[in-house]
Amino acid sequence: MTTAAVPGADPGRTKAFLRLVMIEHSVFALPFAYTAALTAMFQLDKDIHWWTLFLVTVCMVGLRTFAMACNRIIDREIDARNPRTAGRELVTGAVSVRSAWTGAGIAVVVFLGAAALLNPLCLALAPLAVIPMVVYPYGKRFTNFPHAILGLAQAIGPIGAWLAVTGEWSWDAVILGLAVGVWIGGFDLIFACQDVQADRAGGVMSVPARFGIPAALWGARASAVVTTGLLVWYALVTDAGLFFWTGLVIVAAAFCYEHSIVKPTDLSRLNRAFFTVNGFIGIALFVCALLDLLVRGLTP
């Protein structure tokens, strides 16, 4: 096997590594981390702490990059057997395993370094945040519910962002974290529907593979309902204003649209539901939350 250079040494290999970790998918979780951080700043002193926000960004991108790299490395043999994923960079050789591990190592060091610059509590808890990122890829080997592990991993983002600002535990952040975790775990149910045949043939475990596509889609719908309820709870406990509530209406409408275009007998618009609609949900709610905080007195 040809050994690729460290990501960053070669522009072409760097691009291949970024494709490997799908860096653009940060759009799903990052807006909620910003929402948590800015809400915490509003409650703290109503000022935006730009350096803290920058470090939160570094933490989120670093940890997510580590998680995706580990996922691709651990699943490379499964990916090779699935026609949908057979073109991934570790399968084709566009990125070597050594290069992927190097990129993952750099990403986790960056994450831990940024956590150390935030506050002692963030540094102390940072290693715990790494654990579900590594466990998740193995989840599909021992449980029919790996989506729940993914949800737990994603719930860490808003909680960590709040801790980054205050250095103290917050149950408000836990509510938002649970909302994000249930949401992402739910739309992972939708995404997994396209791999049912390959997963069953290869012994990969998931809700769609074990219980069928209709059951998975009903589970995703239930997740959307629970997510909406948790976001309403978060709005109530943080005394959110009109703009945030408007954002919740937009999110609810987006959920309805998402679940109307994916049916057990028609998965042709699955990518639109997964990528476009869910990306829109994260950005739309963040914009509304930001406007709400600015109107209520948050100072840039």
Protein backbone atom coordinates (compact mmCIF):
# COMPACT_ATOMS: atom_id res chain seq x y z
CA MET A 1 0.00 0.00 0.00
CA THR A 2 1.32 3.42 -0.90
CA THR A 3 1.69 5.67 2.11
CA ALA A 4 0.11 9.08 1.65
CA ALA A 5 1.68 12.15 3.12
CA VAL A 6 0.41 13.85 6.22
CA PRO A 7 -2.80 15.78 5.40
CA GLY A 8 -1.72 19.29 4.57
CA ALA A 9 1.57 18.32 2.87
CA ASP A 10 -0.07 17.79 -0.51
CA PRO A 11 -3.06 19.89 -1.67
CA GLY A 12 -4.59 16.97 -3.57
CA ARG A 13 -4.35 14.64 -0.60
CA THR A 14 -5.65 17.34 1.70
CA LYS A 15 -8.76 17.66 -0.49
CA ALA A 16 -9.15 13.89 -0.47
CA PHE A 17 -8.94 13.85 3.32
CA LEU A 18 -11.53 16.62 3.60
CA ARG A 19 -13.82 14.60 1.32
CA LEU A 20 -13.18 11.59 3.52
CA VAL A 21 -14.36 13.36 6.66
CA MET A 22 -17.11 15.27 4.80
CA ILE A 23 -16.11 18.55 6.42
CA GLU A 24 -19.17 20.31 4.99
CA HIS A 25 -21.44 18.23 7.24
CA SER A 26 -20.37 20.40 10.17
CA VAL A 27 -23.45 22.41 9.17
CA PHE A 28 -25.62 19.90 11.05
CA ALA A 29 -24.22 20.28 14.57
CA LEU A 30 -22.22 23.54 14.55
CA PRO A 31 -25.26 25.91 14.45
CA PHE A 32 -26.61 24.32 17.64
CA ALA A 33 -23.26 24.70 19.38
CA TYR A 34 -23.31 28.38 18.43
CA THR A 35 -26.87 28.70 19.72
CA ALA A 36 -25.84 27.23 23.07
CA ALA A 37 -22.70 29.34 23.34
CA LEU A 38 -24.45 32.60 22.44
CA THR A 39 -27.34 31.90 24.81
CA ALA A 40 -24.85 31.27 27.59
CA MET A 41 -23.09 34.55 26.74
CA PHE A 42 -26.42 36.36 26.80
CA GLN A 43 -27.18 34.99 30.25
CA LEU A 44 -23.65 35.69 31.47
CA ASP A 45 -23.14 39.34 30.49
CA LYS A 46 -24.93 39.90 27.14
CA ASP A 47 -21.60 40.27 25.31
CA ILE A 48 -20.31 38.05 22.49
CA HIS A 49 -16.93 36.62 23.48
CA TRP A 50 -15.36 36.15 20.07
CA TRP A 51 -12.27 34.27 21.23
CA THR A 52 -14.43 31.75 23.09
CA LEU A 53 -16.66 31.38 20.04
CA PHE A 54 -13.58 30.75 17.90
CA LEU A 55 -12.34 28.06 20.30
CA VAL A 56 -15.78 26.44 20.30
CA THR A 57 -15.58 26.29 16.51
CA VAL A 58 -12.12 24.72 16.66
CA CYS A 59 -13.33 22.15 19.21
CA MET A 60 -16.39 21.23 17.17
CA VAL A 61 -14.58 20.89 13.86
CA GLY A 62 -11.62 19.10 15.44
CA LEU A 63 -13.72 16.54 17.29
CA ARG A 64 -16.02 15.96 14.34
CA THR A 65 -13.06 15.50 11.98
CA PHE A 66 -11.57 12.96 14.39
CA ALA A 67 -14.90 11.14 14.64
CA MET A 68 -15.44 10.95 10.89
CA ALA A 69 -11.87 9.81 10.22
CA CYS A 70 -12.22 7.03 12.82
CA ASN A 71 -15.58 6.08 11.35
CA ARG A 72 -14.14 5.73 7.86
CA ILE A 73 -11.08 3.81 9.07
CA ILE A 74 -13.01 1.36 11.22
CA ASP A 75 -15.71 0.83 8.56
CA ARG A 76 -13.47 0.61 5.49
CA GLU A 77 -14.08 -3.12 4.97
CA ILE A 78 -17.85 -2.68 5.37
CA ASP A 79 -17.73 0.27 2.96
CA ALA A 80 -15.90 -1.85 0.39
CA ARG A 81 -18.76 -4.38 0.35
CA ASN A 82 -21.49 -1.76 -0.09
CA PRO A 83 -21.95 -0.42 -3.65
CA ARG A 84 -23.02 2.99 -2.29
CA THR A 85 -19.83 3.45 -0.28
CA ALA A 86 -17.34 1.51 -2.40
CA GLY A 87 -16.04 4.77 -3.86
CA ARG A 88 -14.98 6.23 -0.53
CA GLU A 89 -11.40 7.42 -0.30
CA LEU A 90 -10.07 4.69 1.99
CA VAL A 91 -11.58 2.01 -0.22
CA THR A 92 -10.21 3.41 -3.48
CA GLY A 93 -6.82 4.32 -2.00
CA ALA A 94 -7.20 8.06 -2.55
CA VAL A 95 -6.37 8.35 1.17
CA SER A 96 -4.20 5.74 2.90
CA VAL A 97 -5.05 4.32 6.31
CA ARG A 98 -1.86 5.82 7.70
CA SER A 99 -2.77 9.24 6.36
CA ALA A 100 -6.29 8.95 7.78
CA TRP A 101 -4.94 8.03 11.22
CA THR A 102 -2.51 10.95 11.01
CA GLY A 103 -5.37 13.32 10.19
CA ALA A 104 -7.46 11.87 13.03
CA GLY A 105 -4.56 12.28 15.45
CA ILE A 106 -3.99 15.90 14.46
CA ALA A 107 -7.72 16.62 14.77
CA VAL A 108 -8.03 15.18 18.29
CA VAL A 109 -4.90 17.03 19.45
CA VAL A 110 -6.37 20.28 18.09
CA PHE A 111 -9.63 19.52 19.91
CA LEU A 112 -7.90 18.84 23.22
CA GLY A 113 -5.69 21.91 22.82
CA ALA A 114 -8.66 24.18 22.20
CA ALA A 115 -10.50 22.65 25.17
CA ALA A 116 -7.48 23.38 27.36
CA LEU A 117 -7.56 27.03 26.30
CA LEU A 118 -11.22 27.34 27.29
CA ASN A 119 -11.38 26.37 30.96
CA PRO A 120 -10.39 23.53 33.34
CA LEU A 121 -13.80 21.84 33.21
CA CYS A 122 -13.75 21.65 29.41
CA LEU A 123 -10.28 20.11 29.51
CA ALA A 124 -11.31 17.61 32.19
CA LEU A 125 -14.39 16.49 30.25
CA ALA A 126 -12.81 16.59 26.77
CA PRO A 127 -11.46 12.99 26.89
CA LEU A 128 -14.95 11.75 27.77
CA ALA A 129 -16.31 13.44 24.64
CA VAL A 130 -13.91 11.40 22.52
CA ILE A 131 -15.26 8.03 23.71
CA PRO A 132 -18.64 7.91 21.87
CA MET A 133 -16.92 9.11 18.70
CA VAL A 134 -14.89 5.89 18.65
CA VAL A 135 -17.64 3.62 19.98
CA TYR A 136 -20.18 4.67 17.32
CA PRO A 137 -18.53 2.95 14.32
CA TYR A 138 -18.40 -0.29 16.29
CA GLY A 139 -22.05 0.10 17.32
CA LYS A 140 -23.39 -1.41 14.12
CA ARG A 141 -21.52 -4.59 15.02
CA PHE A 142 -23.20 -5.22 18.38
CA THR A 143 -26.55 -3.35 18.51
CA ASN A 144 -29.51 -2.70 16.26
CA PHE A 145 -29.55 0.86 17.57
CA PRO A 146 -26.22 2.45 16.56
CA HIS A 147 -28.23 5.58 15.73
CA ALA A 148 -28.69 6.14 19.49
CA ILE A 149 -24.91 6.14 19.98
CA LEU A 150 -24.59 8.70 17.19
CA GLY A 151 -27.25 10.81 18.89
CA LEU A 152 -25.36 10.66 22.19
CA ALA A 153 -22.16 11.74 20.44
CA GLN A 154 -23.89 14.69 18.79
CA ALA A 155 -25.62 15.77 22.00
CA ILE A 156 -22.22 16.65 23.41
CA GLY A 157 -21.83 19.68 21.11
CA PRO A 158 -24.30 22.16 22.67
CA ILE A 159 -23.46 21.01 26.19
CA GLY A 160 -19.75 21.50 25.59
CA ALA A 161 -20.32 24.89 23.96
CA TRP A 162 -22.24 26.10 27.02
CA LEU A 163 -19.52 24.80 29.34
CA ALA A 164 -16.96 26.63 27.20
CA VAL A 165 -18.61 29.94 28.04
CA THR A 166 -19.53 29.50 31.69
CA GLY A 167 -17.25 26.76 32.97
CA GLU A 168 -20.30 25.40 34.80
CA TRP A 169 -22.83 22.64 34.18
CA SER A 170 -26.19 23.73 32.74
CA TRP A 171 -29.38 21.70 32.45
CA ASP A 172 -30.61 24.19 29.85
CA ALA A 173 -27.72 23.06 27.66
CA VAL A 174 -28.59 19.42 28.33
CA ILE A 175 -32.10 20.02 26.97
CA LEU A 176 -30.69 21.51 23.78
CA GLY A 177 -28.12 18.73 23.56
CA LEU A 178 -30.83 16.09 23.86
CA ALA A 179 -32.81 17.85 21.13
CA VAL A 180 -29.81 17.73 18.81
CA GLY A 181 -29.04 14.12 19.69
CA VAL A 182 -32.58 12.89 19.10
CA TRP A 183 -32.78 14.91 15.86
CA ILE A 184 -29.54 13.56 14.40
CA GLY A 185 -30.23 10.02 15.59
CA GLY A 186 -33.65 10.30 13.94
CA PHE A 187 -32.46 11.42 10.55
CA ASP A 188 -29.73 8.77 10.68
CA LEU A 189 -32.62 6.29 10.70
CA ILE A 190 -33.71 7.74 7.37
CA PHE A 191 -30.20 7.65 5.95
CA ALA A 192 -29.71 4.01 6.94
CA CYS A 193 -32.76 2.96 4.93
CA GLN A 194 -30.81 3.10 1.68
CA ASP A 195 -28.37 0.43 2.89
CA VAL A 196 -30.84 -2.21 4.07
CA GLN A 197 -29.95 -4.86 1.50
CA ALA A 198 -26.19 -4.37 1.83
CA ASP A 199 -26.40 -4.28 5.63
CA ARG A 200 -28.41 -7.48 5.84
CA ALA A 201 -26.08 -9.23 3.43
CA GLY A 202 -23.01 -8.10 5.35
CA GLY A 203 -24.37 -8.59 8.87
CA VAL A 204 -24.36 -4.87 9.63
CA MET A 205 -26.87 -4.00 12.35
CA SER A 206 -29.33 -1.09 12.23
CA VAL A 207 -32.99 -0.36 12.84
CA PRO A 208 -33.93 -0.56 9.12
CA ALA A 209 -31.95 -3.79 8.66
CA ARG A 210 -33.54 -5.44 11.70
CA PHE A 211 -37.08 -4.02 11.74
CA GLY A 212 -37.60 -2.84 8.17
CA ILE A 213 -37.80 0.51 6.41
CA PRO A 214 -41.39 1.39 7.48
CA ALA A 215 -40.47 0.94 11.16
CA ALA A 216 -37.34 3.07 10.71
CA LEU A 217 -39.29 5.87 9.09
CA TRP A 218 -41.87 5.82 11.88
CA GLY A 219 -38.99 5.98 14.34
CA ALA A 220 -37.61 9.01 12.50
CA ARG A 221 -41.00 10.71 12.65
CA ALA A 222 -41.23 10.04 16.37
CA SER A 223 -37.74 11.51 16.76
CA ALA A 224 -38.85 14.67 14.96
CA VAL A 225 -41.80 15.03 17.36
CA VAL A 226 -39.58 14.52 20.40
CA THR A 227 -36.99 16.96 19.02
CA THR A 228 -39.66 19.61 18.54
CA GLY A 229 -40.89 19.08 22.08
CA LEU A 230 -37.39 19.41 23.50
CA LEU A 231 -36.80 22.61 21.53
CA VAL A 232 -40.04 24.03 22.91
CA TRP A 233 -38.86 23.10 26.41
CA TYR A 234 -35.52 24.80 25.74
CA ALA A 235 -37.31 27.93 24.52
CA LEU A 236 -39.38 28.03 27.70
CA VAL A 237 -36.50 27.55 30.16
CA THR A 238 -34.34 30.17 28.41
CA ASP A 239 -37.20 32.69 28.08
CA ALA A 240 -36.80 32.78 24.29
CA GLY A 241 -38.48 35.55 22.35
CA LEU A 242 -40.55 35.83 19.20
CA PHE A 243 -37.76 35.16 16.71
CA PHE A 244 -36.80 31.87 18.35
CA TRP A 245 -40.42 30.74 18.41
CA THR A 246 -40.66 31.68 14.74
CA GLY A 247 -37.65 29.45 14.15
CA LEU A 248 -39.44 26.58 15.86
CA VAL A 249 -42.41 27.00 13.52
CA ILE A 250 -39.99 26.85 10.56
CA VAL A 251 -38.35 23.73 11.99
CA ALA A 252 -41.70 22.02 12.50
CA ALA A 253 -42.70 22.82 8.91
CA ALA A 254 -39.36 21.49 7.65
CA PHE A 255 -39.87 18.28 9.60
CA CYS A 256 -43.30 17.83 8.03
CA TYR A 257 -41.84 18.36 4.57
CA GLU A 258 -38.92 16.02 5.24
CA HIS A 259 -41.16 13.17 6.30
CA SER A 260 -43.60 13.74 3.47
CA ILE A 261 -41.02 13.17 0.73
CA VAL A 262 -39.53 9.91 2.04
CA LYS A 263 -41.77 6.87 1.91
CA PRO A 264 -41.08 3.15 2.43
CA THR A 265 -41.80 2.52 -1.25
CA ASP A 266 -39.98 5.60 -2.55
CA LEU A 267 -36.53 6.57 -1.26
CA SER A 268 -35.64 8.56 -4.38
CA ARG A 269 -35.67 11.86 -2.47
CA LEU A 270 -33.81 10.54 0.57
CA ASN A 271 -30.72 12.67 -0.08
CA ARG A 272 -32.88 15.80 -0.31
CA ALA A 273 -34.44 14.92 3.04
CA PHE A 274 -31.12 14.07 4.68
CA PHE A 275 -28.76 16.72 3.37
CA THR A 276 -30.85 19.66 2.17
CA VAL A 277 -33.69 19.72 4.69
CA ASN A 278 -31.63 18.89 7.76
CA GLY A 279 -28.93 21.38 6.78
CA PHE A 280 -31.65 23.99 6.39
CA ILE A 281 -33.10 23.13 9.82
CA GLY A 282 -29.82 23.75 11.62
CA ILE A 283 -29.06 27.02 9.85
CA ALA A 284 -32.62 28.37 10.03
CA LEU A 285 -32.96 27.77 13.76
CA PHE A 286 -29.55 29.30 14.45
CA VAL A 287 -30.37 32.44 12.44
CA CYS A 288 -33.64 32.83 14.32
CA ALA A 289 -31.94 32.19 17.68
CA LEU A 290 -29.24 34.75 16.88
CA LEU A 291 -31.78 37.38 15.85
CA ASP A 292 -33.75 36.68 19.02
CA LEU A 293 -30.69 37.14 21.23
CA LEU A 294 -29.62 40.32 19.41
CA VAL A 295 -33.10 41.83 19.74
CA ARG A 296 -33.12 40.97 23.43
CA GLY A 297 -29.81 42.74 24.03
CA LEU A 298 -26.88 40.51 23.04
CA THR A 299 -24.00 42.82 22.10
CA PRO A 300 -21.59 41.89 19.28
